[in-house]
């Protein structure tokens, strides 16, 4: 694969990559994003994706990129001066590898529905972690409100570690309306509710709804759910991080379903 060196900020391709790194609107319009690092690139390829452009920092060993290049021979390959690469990287210590890639749309699962509904999750790391946990638990859908951080941002992708490539997502959803229309068990995770999350049955179709890191679920979303429950916390803290609460809830559903299968 022949690499094209780029050393100018005025290069049209660099400008395009810069927009993808910084702008949710640019990513949405193009249905494209930037993948940061070898792990994300490998996960994208394993999920059936084919990147449009492979980007290497000048100081990154080209031999390390060769196995990836062999799997996407149609991709354009470029080498960026380290200073330019650092402008695209989402972390202070750049990995040295980026890929310009189209959003993936995973096929719906035939498994018993297990969805997550996320309302106004603002932190990209939190959002990515929640998607990663849902994918690990075998969730079949992630429903994201318009107020959620962009799940295809480089930082959310780093948090998800490939979850966005395998977990179907519905973006810009009206979460209260979606919960009200869901045919199965819709569960709002909230503070101060009397019902114990672990006392309920989640063997059938289930959606778990979690709200903003500070404010929690809106009153409309909580009221739209069929169940409003709390996760018991015997320790001396007021609440769980939204990501931790979702993880606890998801794997209780996993546990119940495993027990039901015998």
Foldseek 3Di string as FASTA:
>chain_A
DDAAEDEDCPPPVLVLLLCQQPDPVSCVVVQKHKAAADLLLVLCVVLVWAFQEKEFEPPDDVVVCVVSCVSRVNHHYYYYHNVSVCSRAPDNDGNGIMTITHQAAADFDPDFAEEEEEAQAEDLLLQLQLLLLCVVLVHREYEYAQNYDDCRHNSNCVNNSNSSSHHGYHYNDPQLVVQLPDPDAEEEEDPPDPAELLVDAQQHHYYYYWYYQPPIDDPSNQVSGPYYHYHDDPDPDRDDGRSVVSSVNSVSSSVNNVVVVD
